[in-house]
PDB file of N, CA and C in Angstrom:
ATOM      1  N   MET A   1     -28.770  63.023   6.277  1.00  0.00           N
ATOM      2  CA  MET A   1     -29.387  64.178   6.557  1.00  0.00           C
ATOM      3  C   MET A   1     -28.959  65.352   5.711  1.00  0.00           C
ATOM      4  N   SER A   2     -29.832  66.258   5.499  1.00  0.00           N
ATOM      5  CA  SER A   2     -29.452  67.328   4.689  1.00  0.00           C
ATOM      6  C   SER A   2     -28.887  68.464   5.594  1.00  0.00           C
ATOM      7  N   GLY A   3     -28.431  69.560   4.964  1.00  0.00           N
ATOM      8  CA  GLY A   3     -27.629  70.683   5.644  1.00  0.00           C
ATOM      9  C   GLY A   3     -28.126  71.065   7.018  1.00  0.00           C
ATOM     10  N   LYS A   4     -27.361  72.101   7.589  1.00  0.00           N
ATOM     11  CA  LYS A   4     -27.604  72.732   8.848  1.00  0.00           C
ATOM     12  C   LYS A   4     -28.913  73.128   8.964  1.00  0.00           C
ATOM     13  N   GLY A   5     -29.517  72.942  10.278  1.00  0.00           N
ATOM     14  CA  GLY A   5     -30.799  73.571  10.485  1.00  0.00           C
ATOM     15  C   GLY A   5     -32.041  72.788   9.877  1.00  0.00           C
ATOM     16  N   SER A   6     -31.715  71.769   9.194  1.00  0.00           N
ATOM     17  CA  SER A   6     -32.996  70.893   8.589  1.00  0.00           C
ATOM     18  C   SER A   6     -33.728  70.229   9.663  1.00  0.00           C
ATOM     19  N   THR A   7     -34.966  70.222   9.600  1.00  0.00           N
ATOM     20  CA  THR A   7     -35.744  69.496  10.569  1.00  0.00           C
ATOM     21  C   THR A   7     -36.082  68.218   9.834  1.00  0.00           C
ATOM     22  N   PRO A   8     -36.064  67.043  10.658  1.00  0.00           N
ATOM     23  CA  PRO A   8     -36.543  65.675  10.036  1.00  0.00           C
ATOM     24  C   PRO A   8     -37.847  65.838   9.713  1.00  0.00           C
ATOM     25  N   ARG A   9     -38.241  65.339   8.419  1.00  0.00           N
ATOM     26  CA  ARG A   9     -39.544  65.401   8.070  1.00  0.00           C
ATOM     27  C   ARG A   9     -40.504  64.012   8.508  1.00  0.00           C
ATOM     28  N   PRO A  10     -41.626  64.282   9.104  1.00  0.00           N
ATOM     29  CA  PRO A  10     -42.272  63.329   9.507  1.00  0.00           C
ATOM     30  C   PRO A  10     -42.718  62.262   8.380  1.00  0.00           C
ATOM     31  N   PHE A  11     -42.939  61.146   8.749  1.00  0.00           N
ATOM     32  CA  PHE A  11     -43.538  60.212   7.643  1.00  0.00           C
ATOM     33  C   PHE A  11     -44.787  59.595   8.294  1.00  0.00           C
ATOM     34  N   SER A  12     -45.623  59.080   7.456  1.00  0.00           N
ATOM     35  CA  SER A  12     -46.814  58.346   8.046  1.00  0.00           C
ATOM     36  C   SER A  12     -46.861  56.963   7.684  1.00  0.00           C
ATOM     37  N   VAL A  13     -47.415  56.243   8.402  1.00  0.00           N
ATOM     38  CA  VAL A  13     -47.574  54.642   8.135  1.00  0.00           C
ATOM     39  C   VAL A  13     -49.067  54.282   8.467  1.00  0.00           C
ATOM     40  N   ASP A  14     -49.710  53.772   7.529  1.00  0.00           N
ATOM     41  CA  ASP A  14     -51.176  53.444   7.837  1.00  0.00           C
ATOM     42  C   ASP A  14     -51.063  52.217   9.027  1.00  0.00           C
ATOM     43  N   ARG A  15     -52.165  52.481   9.680  1.00  0.00           N
ATOM     44  CA  ARG A  15     -52.334  51.356  10.885  1.00  0.00           C
ATOM     45  C   ARG A  15     -51.963  49.938  10.563  1.00  0.00           C
ATOM     46  N   SER A  16     -52.639  49.532   9.471  1.00  0.00           N
ATOM     47  CA  SER A  16     -52.614  48.059   9.218  1.00  0.00           C
ATOM     48  C   SER A  16     -51.260  47.802   8.747  1.00  0.00           C
ATOM     49  N   THR A  17     -50.542  48.509   8.188  1.00  0.00           N
ATOM     50  CA  THR A  17     -49.105  48.226   7.749  1.00  0.00           C
ATOM     51  C   THR A  17     -48.219  48.099   9.046  1.00  0.00           C
ATOM     52  N   PHE A  18     -48.536  49.107   9.910  1.00  0.00           N
ATOM     53  CA  PHE A  18     -47.776  49.018  11.196  1.00  0.00           C
ATOM     54  C   PHE A  18     -48.089  47.777  12.005  1.00  0.00           C
ATOM     55  N   ASP A  19     -49.365  47.429  12.130  1.00  0.00           N
ATOM     56  CA  ASP A  19     -49.762  46.198  12.719  1.00  0.00           C
ATOM     57  C   ASP A  19     -49.176  45.027  12.142  1.00  0.00           C
ATOM     58  N   ASP A  20     -49.153  44.853  10.934  1.00  0.00           N
ATOM     59  CA  ASP A  20     -48.710  43.745  10.196  1.00  0.00           C
ATOM     60  C   ASP A  20     -47.158  43.561  10.348  1.00  0.00           C
ATOM     61  N   ASN A  21     -46.379  44.639  10.241  1.00  0.00           N
ATOM     62  CA  ASN A  21     -45.035  44.609  10.590  1.00  0.00           C
ATOM     63  C   ASN A  21     -44.708  44.176  12.094  1.00  0.00           C
ATOM     64  N   TRP A  22     -45.373  44.873  12.956  1.00  0.00           N
ATOM     65  CA  TRP A  22     -45.208  44.674  14.340  1.00  0.00           C
ATOM     66  C   TRP A  22     -45.527  43.163  14.661  1.00  0.00           C
ATOM     67  N   ASN A  23     -46.476  42.689  14.095  1.00  0.00           N
ATOM     68  CA  ASN A  23     -46.838  41.153  14.275  1.00  0.00           C
ATOM     69  C   ASN A  23     -46.008  40.192  13.667  1.00  0.00           C
ATOM     70  N   ARG A  24     -45.387  40.742  12.560  1.00  0.00           N
ATOM     71  CA  ARG A  24     -44.432  39.686  11.880  1.00  0.00           C
ATOM     72  C   ARG A  24     -43.106  39.761  12.799  1.00  0.00           C
ATOM     73  N   ILE A  25     -42.668  40.917  13.343  1.00  0.00           N
ATOM     74  CA  ILE A  25     -41.471  41.008  13.894  1.00  0.00           C
ATOM     75  C   ILE A  25     -41.557  40.434  15.391  1.00  0.00           C
ATOM     76  N   PHE A  26     -42.503  40.910  16.047  1.00  0.00           N
ATOM     77  CA  PHE A  26     -42.728  40.523  17.521  1.00  0.00           C
ATOM     78  C   PHE A  26     -43.660  39.413  17.685  1.00  0.00           C
ATOM     79  N   GLY A  27     -44.278  38.949  16.785  1.00  0.00           N
ATOM     80  CA  GLY A  27     -45.282  37.843  16.956  1.00  0.00           C
ATOM     81  C   GLY A  27     -46.636  38.337  17.704  1.00  0.00           C
ATOM     82  N   LYS A  28     -47.639  38.150  16.973  1.00  0.00           N
ATOM     83  CA  LYS A  28     -49.089  38.410  17.555  1.00  0.00           C
ATOM     84  C   LYS A  28     -49.631  37.220  17.623  1.00  0.00           C
ATOM     85  N   LYS A  29     -49.897  36.537  18.973  1.00  0.00           N
ATOM     86  CA  LYS A  29     -50.387  35.545  19.215  1.00  0.00           C
ATOM     87  C   LYS A  29     -51.919  35.435  19.314  1.00  0.00           C
ATOM     88  N   LYS A  30     -52.669  34.919  18.455  1.00  0.00           N
ATOM     89  CA  LYS A  30     -54.026  34.710  18.527  1.00  0.00           C
ATOM     90  C   LYS A  30     -54.386  33.498  19.217  1.00  0.00           C
ATOM     91  N   ALA A  31     -55.208  33.636  20.224  1.00  0.00           N
ATOM     92  CA  ALA A  31     -55.515  32.493  21.002  1.00  0.00           C
ATOM     93  C   ALA A  31     -56.743  31.689  20.476  1.00  0.00           C
ATOM     94  N   THR A  32     -56.822  30.400  20.823  1.00  0.00           N
ATOM     95  CA  THR A  32     -58.085  29.682  20.475  1.00  0.00           C
ATOM     96  C   THR A  32     -58.535  29.140  21.893  1.00  0.00           C
ATOM     97  N   VAL A  33     -59.639  29.472  22.297  1.00  0.00           N
ATOM     98  CA  VAL A  33     -60.320  28.984  23.458  1.00  0.00           C
ATOM     99  C   VAL A  33     -61.504  28.054  23.330  1.00  0.00           C
ATOM    100  N   TRP A  34     -61.293  26.683  23.613  1.00  0.00           N
ATOM    101  CA  TRP A  34     -62.373  25.759  23.507  1.00  0.00           C
ATOM    102  C   TRP A  34     -63.207  25.944  24.784  1.00  0.00           C
ATOM    103  N   SER A  35     -64.455  25.999  24.706  1.00  0.00           N
ATOM    104  CA  SER A  35     -65.362  26.278  25.923  1.00  0.00           C
ATOM    105  C   SER A  35     -66.667  25.679  25.680  1.00  0.00           C
ATOM    106  N   LYS A  36     -67.628  25.975  26.637  1.00  0.00           N
ATOM    107  CA  LYS A  36     -68.818  25.516  26.654  1.00  0.00           C
ATOM    108  C   LYS A  36     -69.661  26.538  27.449  1.00  0.00           C
ATOM    109  N   TYR A  37     -70.989  26.361  27.365  1.00  0.00           N
ATOM    110  CA  TYR A  37     -71.934  27.201  27.975  1.00  0.00           C
ATOM    111  C   TYR A  37     -71.951  26.882  29.514  1.00  0.00           C
ATOM    112  N   ASN A  38     -72.301  28.102  30.372  1.00  0.00           N
ATOM    113  CA  ASN A  38     -72.304  28.028  31.792  1.00  0.00           C
ATOM    114  C   ASN A  38     -70.842  27.536  32.386  1.00  0.00           C
ATOM    115  N   CYS A  39     -69.804  28.255  31.818  1.00  0.00           N
ATOM    116  CA  CYS A  39     -68.550  27.748  32.299  1.00  0.00           C
ATOM    117  C   CYS A  39     -67.720  28.944  32.762  1.00  0.00           C
ATOM    118  N   PRO A  40     -67.592  29.169  34.224  1.00  0.00           N
ATOM    119  CA  PRO A  40     -67.039  30.371  34.748  1.00  0.00           C
ATOM    120  C   PRO A  40     -65.684  30.445  34.461  1.00  0.00           C
ATOM    121  N   TYR A  41     -64.920  29.388  34.222  1.00  0.00           N
ATOM    122  CA  TYR A  41     -63.539  29.361  34.026  1.00  0.00           C
ATOM    123  C   TYR A  41     -63.292  29.873  32.455  1.00  0.00           C
ATOM    124  N   CYS A  42     -64.225  29.340  31.652  1.00  0.00           N
ATOM    125  CA  CYS A  42     -64.212  29.845  30.238  1.00  0.00           C
ATOM    126  C   CYS A  42     -64.350  31.340  30.087  1.00  0.00           C
ATOM    127  N   GLU A  43     -65.322  31.911  30.804  1.00  0.00           N
ATOM    128  CA  GLU A  43     -65.633  33.353  30.896  1.00  0.00           C
ATOM    129  C   GLU A  43     -64.302  34.061  31.348  1.00  0.00           C
ATOM    130  N   GLN A  44     -63.718  33.547  32.583  1.00  0.00           N
ATOM    131  CA  GLN A  44     -62.565  34.230  33.139  1.00  0.00           C
ATOM    132  C   GLN A  44     -61.525  34.173  31.989  1.00  0.00           C
ATOM    133  N   ALA A  45     -61.347  33.164  31.412  1.00  0.00           N
ATOM    134  CA  ALA A  45     -60.157  33.058  30.303  1.00  0.00           C
ATOM    135  C   ALA A  45     -60.383  34.071  29.192  1.00  0.00           C
ATOM    136  N   LYS A  46     -61.583  34.150  28.746  1.00  0.00           N
ATOM    137  CA  LYS A  46     -61.882  35.064  27.489  1.00  0.00           C
ATOM    138  C   LYS A  46     -61.779  36.502  28.175  1.00  0.00           C
ATOM    139  N   SER A  47     -62.128  36.765  29.471  1.00  0.00           N
ATOM    140  CA  SER A  47     -61.939  38.265  29.900  1.00  0.00           C
ATOM    141  C   SER A  47     -60.532  38.457  30.115  1.00  0.00           C
ATOM    142  N   LEU A  48     -59.729  37.562  30.628  1.00  0.00           N
ATOM    143  CA  LEU A  48     -58.320  37.720  30.724  1.00  0.00           C
ATOM    144  C   LEU A  48     -57.571  38.140  29.521  1.00  0.00           C
ATOM    145  N   LEU A  49     -57.954  37.364  28.433  1.00  0.00           N
ATOM    146  CA  LEU A  49     -57.336  37.582  27.094  1.00  0.00           C
ATOM    147  C   LEU A  49     -57.909  38.929  26.561  1.00  0.00           C
ATOM    148  N   LYS A  50     -58.937  39.261  26.730  1.00  0.00           N
ATOM    149  CA  LYS A  50     -59.467  40.695  26.336  1.00  0.00           C
ATOM    150  C   LYS A  50     -58.633  41.796  26.995  1.00  0.00           C
ATOM    151  N   MET A  51     -58.455  41.428  28.354  1.00  0.00           N
ATOM    152  CA  MET A  51     -57.922  42.501  29.109  1.00  0.00           C
ATOM    153  C   MET A  51     -56.312  42.590  28.666  1.00  0.00           C
ATOM    154  N   LYS A  52     -55.774  41.570  28.253  1.00  0.00           N
ATOM    155  CA  LYS A  52     -54.493  41.666  27.713  1.00  0.00           C
ATOM    156  C   LYS A  52     -54.361  42.027  26.243  1.00  0.00           C
ATOM    157  N   GLY A  53     -55.288  42.228  25.592  1.00  0.00           N
ATOM    158  CA  GLY A  53     -55.321  42.814  24.306  1.00  0.00           C
ATOM    159  C   GLY A  53     -55.072  41.540  23.304  1.00  0.00           C
ATOM    160  N   ILE A  54     -55.339  40.316  23.617  1.00  0.00           N
ATOM    161  CA  ILE A  54     -55.065  39.205  22.817  1.00  0.00           C
ATOM    162  C   ILE A  54     -56.391  38.785  22.203  1.00  0.00           C
ATOM    163  N   GLU A  55     -56.247  38.639  20.806  1.00  0.00           N
ATOM    164  CA  GLU A  55     -57.394  38.243  20.160  1.00  0.00           C
ATOM    165  C   GLU A  55     -57.676  36.775  20.219  1.00  0.00           C
ATOM    166  N   PHE A  56     -58.852  36.305  20.185  1.00  0.00           N
ATOM    167  CA  PHE A  56     -59.012  35.000  20.351  1.00  0.00           C
ATOM    168  C   PHE A  56     -60.193  34.441  19.429  1.00  0.00           C
ATOM    169  N   GLU A  57     -60.088  33.278  19.225  1.00  0.00           N
ATOM    170  CA  GLU A  57     -61.268  32.631  18.470  1.00  0.00           C
ATOM    171  C   GLU A  57     -61.896  31.611  19.499  1.00  0.00           C
ATOM    172  N   GLU A  58     -63.157  31.644  19.646  1.00  0.00           N
ATOM    173  CA  GLU A  58     -63.771  30.689  20.593  1.00  0.00           C
ATOM    174  C   GLU A  58     -64.402  29.531  19.731  1.00  0.00           C
ATOM    175  N   LYS A  59     -64.006  28.391  20.327  1.00  0.00           N
ATOM    176  CA  LYS A  59     -64.788  27.115  19.605  1.00  0.00           C
ATOM    177  C   LYS A  59     -65.664  26.582  20.922  1.00  0.00           C
ATOM    178  N   LYS A  60     -67.059  26.728  20.870  1.00  0.00           N
ATOM    179  CA  LYS A  60     -67.687  26.468  21.929  1.00  0.00           C
ATOM    180  C   LYS A  60     -68.506  25.057  21.604  1.00  0.00           C
ATOM    181  N   ILE A  61     -68.323  24.148  22.713  1.00  0.00           N
ATOM    182  CA  ILE A  61     -68.953  22.842  22.323  1.00  0.00           C
ATOM    183  C   ILE A  61     -70.344  23.088  22.417  1.00  0.00           C
ATOM    184  N   GLY A  62     -71.107  22.434  21.571  1.00  0.00           N
ATOM    185  CA  GLY A  62     -72.530  22.609  21.629  1.00  0.00           C
ATOM    186  C   GLY A  62     -72.965  23.763  20.904  1.00  0.00           C
ATOM    187  N   ASP A  63     -72.141  24.537  20.176  1.00  0.00           N
ATOM    188  CA  ASP A  63     -72.377  25.644  19.368  1.00  0.00           C
ATOM    189  C   ASP A  63     -71.556  25.621  18.025  1.00  0.00           C
ATOM    190  N   GLY A  64     -71.559  24.452  17.434  1.00  0.00           N
ATOM    191  CA  GLY A  64     -70.884  24.389  16.094  1.00  0.00           C
ATOM    192  C   GLY A  64     -69.620  23.386  16.347  1.00  0.00           C
ATOM    193  N   TYR A  65     -69.277  23.067  17.511  1.00  0.00           N
ATOM    194  CA  TYR A  65     -68.092  22.171  17.641  1.00  0.00           C
ATOM    195  C   TYR A  65     -68.540  21.188  18.773  1.00  0.00           C
ATOM    196  N   THR A  66     -67.861  20.054  18.696  1.00  0.00           N
ATOM    197  CA  THR A  66     -68.160  18.803  19.588  1.00  0.00           C
ATOM    198  C   THR A  66     -67.167  18.447  20.464  1.00  0.00           C
ATOM    199  N   LYS A  67     -67.456  17.699  21.413  1.00  0.00           N
ATOM    200  CA  LYS A  67     -66.512  17.118  22.404  1.00  0.00           C
ATOM    201  C   LYS A  67     -65.428  16.284  21.643  1.00  0.00           C
ATOM    202  N   GLU A  68     -65.985  15.576  20.661  1.00  0.00           N
ATOM    203  CA  GLU A  68     -65.065  14.695  19.943  1.00  0.00           C
ATOM    204  C   GLU A  68     -63.848  15.579  19.078  1.00  0.00           C
ATOM    205  N   GLU A  69     -64.397  16.793  18.573  1.00  0.00           N
ATOM    206  CA  GLU A  69     -63.500  17.461  17.823  1.00  0.00           C
ATOM    207  C   GLU A  69     -62.358  18.111  18.747  1.00  0.00           C
ATOM    208  N   LEU A  70     -62.712  18.414  20.066  1.00  0.00           N
ATOM    209  CA  LEU A  70     -61.801  18.885  21.025  1.00  0.00           C
ATOM    210  C   LEU A  70     -60.828  17.839  21.359  1.00  0.00           C
ATOM    211  N   LEU A  71     -61.443  16.470  21.520  1.00  0.00           N
ATOM    212  CA  LEU A  71     -60.645  15.343  21.981  1.00  0.00           C
ATOM    213  C   LEU A  71     -59.488  14.991  20.814  1.00  0.00           C
ATOM    214  N   GLU A  72     -59.935  15.438  19.413  1.00  0.00           N
ATOM    215  CA  GLU A  72     -59.069  15.217  18.429  1.00  0.00           C
ATOM    216  C   GLU A  72     -57.789  16.108  18.611  1.00  0.00           C
ATOM    217  N   VAL A  73     -57.925  17.351  19.161  1.00  0.00           N
ATOM    218  CA  VAL A  73     -57.035  18.309  19.393  1.00  0.00           C
ATOM    219  C   VAL A  73     -56.131  18.121  20.533  1.00  0.00           C
ATOM    220  N   VAL A  74     -56.998  17.979  21.711  1.00  0.00           N
ATOM    221  CA  VAL A  74     -56.376  17.684  23.001  1.00  0.00           C
ATOM    222  C   VAL A  74     -56.848  16.430  23.569  1.00  0.00           C
ATOM    223  N   PRO A  75     -56.318  15.227  23.244  1.00  0.00           N
ATOM    224  CA  PRO A  75     -56.796  13.894  23.587  1.00  0.00           C
ATOM    225  C   PRO A  75     -56.903  13.791  25.186  1.00  0.00           C
ATOM    226  N   THR A  76     -56.082  14.416  26.132  1.00  0.00           N
ATOM    227  CA  THR A  76     -56.244  14.379  27.485  1.00  0.00           C
ATOM    228  C   THR A  76     -57.093  15.456  28.192  1.00  0.00           C
ATOM    229  N   ALA A  77     -57.903  16.115  27.202  1.00  0.00           N
ATOM    230  CA  ALA A  77     -58.754  17.179  27.996  1.00  0.00           C
ATOM    231  C   ALA A  77     -59.840  16.533  28.733  1.00  0.00           C
ATOM    232  N   ARG A  78     -60.075  16.998  29.884  1.00  0.00           N
ATOM    233  CA  ARG A  78     -61.126  16.602  30.784  1.00  0.00           C
ATOM    234  C   ARG A  78     -61.890  17.598  31.310  1.00  0.00           C
ATOM    235  N   THR A  79     -61.450  18.832  31.187  1.00  0.00           N
ATOM    236  CA  THR A  79     -62.149  20.032  31.714  1.00  0.00           C
ATOM    237  C   THR A  79     -62.096  21.129  30.471  1.00  0.00           C
ATOM    238  N   LEU A  80     -62.841  22.234  30.789  1.00  0.00           N
ATOM    239  CA  LEU A  80     -62.738  23.372  29.891  1.00  0.00           C
ATOM    240  C   LEU A  80     -62.614  24.668  30.723  1.00  0.00           C
ATOM    241  N   PRO A  81     -61.994  25.450  30.207  1.00  0.00           N
ATOM    242  CA  PRO A  81     -61.432  25.799  28.786  1.00  0.00           C
ATOM    243  C   PRO A  81     -60.381  25.010  28.537  1.00  0.00           C
ATOM    244  N   GLN A  82     -59.822  24.861  27.370  1.00  0.00           N
ATOM    245  CA  GLN A  82     -58.714  24.273  26.793  1.00  0.00           C
ATOM    246  C   GLN A  82     -58.165  25.495  25.823  1.00  0.00           C
ATOM    247  N   ILE A  83     -56.874  26.046  26.035  1.00  0.00           N
ATOM    248  CA  ILE A  83     -56.310  27.208  25.423  1.00  0.00           C
ATOM    249  C   ILE A  83     -55.092  27.072  24.747  1.00  0.00           C
ATOM    250  N   PHE A  84     -55.201  27.650  23.628  1.00  0.00           N
ATOM    251  CA  PHE A  84     -53.952  27.627  22.834  1.00  0.00           C
ATOM    252  C   PHE A  84     -53.464  29.109  22.551  1.00  0.00           C
ATOM    253  N   LEU A  85     -52.194  29.419  22.631  1.00  0.00           N
ATOM    254  CA  LEU A  85     -51.867  30.712  22.165  1.00  0.00           C
ATOM    255  C   LEU A  85     -50.863  30.417  20.824  1.00  0.00           C
ATOM    256  N   GLY A  86     -51.499  30.810  19.712  1.00  0.00           N
ATOM    257  CA  GLY A  86     -50.912  30.553  18.495  1.00  0.00           C
ATOM    258  C   GLY A  86     -50.902  29.031  18.385  1.00  0.00           C
ATOM    259  N   ASP A  87     -49.775  28.356  18.114  1.00  0.00           N
ATOM    260  CA  ASP A  87     -49.752  26.913  18.096  1.00  0.00           C
ATOM    261  C   ASP A  87     -49.445  26.153  19.373  1.00  0.00           C
ATOM    262  N   ASN A  88     -49.102  27.008  20.430  1.00  0.00           N
ATOM    263  CA  ASN A  88     -48.798  26.430  21.633  1.00  0.00           C
ATOM    264  C   ASN A  88     -49.819  26.156  22.664  1.00  0.00           C
ATOM    265  N   TYR A  89     -49.906  24.911  22.906  1.00  0.00           N
ATOM    266  CA  TYR A  89     -50.931  24.277  23.877  1.00  0.00           C
ATOM    267  C   TYR A  89     -50.686  24.837  25.316  1.00  0.00           C
ATOM    268  N   ILE A  90     -51.584  25.799  26.072  1.00  0.00           N
ATOM    269  CA  ILE A  90     -51.370  26.397  27.214  1.00  0.00           C
ATOM    270  C   ILE A  90     -51.892  25.517  28.352  1.00  0.00           C
ATOM    271  N   GLY A  91     -53.272  25.025  28.090  1.00  0.00           N
ATOM    272  CA  GLY A  91     -54.042  24.287  29.193  1.00  0.00           C
ATOM    273  C   GLY A  91     -55.264  25.091  29.506  1.00  0.00           C
ATOM    274  N   GLY A  92     -55.640  24.977  30.812  1.00  0.00           N
ATOM    275  CA  GLY A  92     -56.749  25.540  31.276  1.00  0.00           C
ATOM    276  C   GLY A  92     -56.479  27.013  31.597  1.00  0.00           C
ATOM    277  N   PHE A  93     -57.650  27.575  32.448  1.00  0.00           N
ATOM    278  CA  PHE A  93     -57.570  29.068  32.793  1.00  0.00           C
ATOM    279  C   PHE A  93     -56.351  29.349  33.671  1.00  0.00           C
ATOM    280  N   ASP A  94     -56.038  28.322  34.692  1.00  0.00           N
ATOM    281  CA  ASP A  94     -54.996  28.569  35.634  1.00  0.00           C
ATOM    282  C   ASP A  94     -53.730  28.571  34.744  1.00  0.00           C
ATOM    283  N   GLU A  95     -53.449  27.710  33.999  1.00  0.00           N
ATOM    284  CA  GLU A  95     -52.196  27.741  33.223  1.00  0.00           C
ATOM    285  C   GLU A  95     -52.086  29.080  32.247  1.00  0.00           C
ATOM    286  N   LEU A  96     -53.245  29.501  31.749  1.00  0.00           N
ATOM    287  CA  LEU A  96     -53.172  30.822  31.049  1.00  0.00           C
ATOM    288  C   LEU A  96     -52.696  31.938  31.887  1.00  0.00           C
ATOM    289  N   ARG A  97     -53.426  31.970  33.004  1.00  0.00           N
ATOM    290  CA  ARG A  97     -52.957  32.995  34.045  1.00  0.00           C
ATOM    291  C   ARG A  97     -51.512  33.007  34.366  1.00  0.00           C
ATOM    292  N   GLN A  98     -51.154  31.827  34.850  1.00  0.00           N
ATOM    293  CA  GLN A  98     -49.658  31.693  34.979  1.00  0.00           C
ATOM    294  C   GLN A  98     -48.765  32.222  33.803  1.00  0.00           C
ATOM    295  N   HIS A  99     -49.138  31.691  32.728  1.00  0.00           N
ATOM    296  CA  HIS A  99     -48.339  31.971  31.399  1.00  0.00           C
ATOM    297  C   HIS A  99     -48.360  33.560  31.215  1.00  0.00           C
ATOM    298  N   LEU A 100     -49.331  34.081  31.320  1.00  0.00           N
ATOM    299  CA  LEU A 100     -49.476  35.587  31.073  1.00  0.00           C
ATOM    300  C   LEU A 100     -48.887  36.377  32.151  1.00  0.00           C
ATOM    301  N   GLN A 101     -48.813  35.928  33.296  1.00  0.00           N
ATOM    302  CA  GLN A 101     -47.977  36.548  34.605  1.00  0.00           C
ATOM    303  C   GLN A 101     -46.708  36.401  34.137  1.00  0.00           C
ATOM    304  N   GLY A 102     -46.090  35.464  33.633  1.00  0.00           N
ATOM    305  CA  GLY A 102     -44.616  35.593  33.194  1.00  0.00           C
ATOM    306  C   GLY A 102     -44.321  36.431  32.077  1.00  0.00           C
ATOM    307  N   GLN A 103     -45.297  36.971  31.461  1.00  0.00           N
ATOM    308  CA  GLN A 103     -44.930  38.065  30.511  1.00  0.00           C
ATOM    309  C   GLN A 103     -45.595  39.446  30.897  1.00  0.00           C
ATOM    310  N   ALA A 104     -44.616  40.137  31.446  1.00  0.00           N
ATOM    311  CA  ALA A 104     -44.857  41.361  31.807  1.00  0.00           C
ATOM    312  C   ALA A 104     -45.986  42.365  31.175  1.00  0.00           C
TER     313      ALA A 104
END
């Protein structure tokens, strides 16, 4: 600090630099949602992620992705959605809701 009566000078950081640093330090979890058409639980999962501000990539079976591709990633999958947060497998919508409730 400089002498008496000096006021701290404001500094500015552009938003992308701030976001990059925040995500590096605190971890921004991008979700992956395996889904299908006409799936109410898939829609609820995507809505919950949006409400929590979590970015996600949707992999929709029948729209560029196949059931076989899903089973390569989650061999035990029998229902949709199947959700990952980052590299962590969460499960379906109920598991996602429980997981996010544990994070205030």
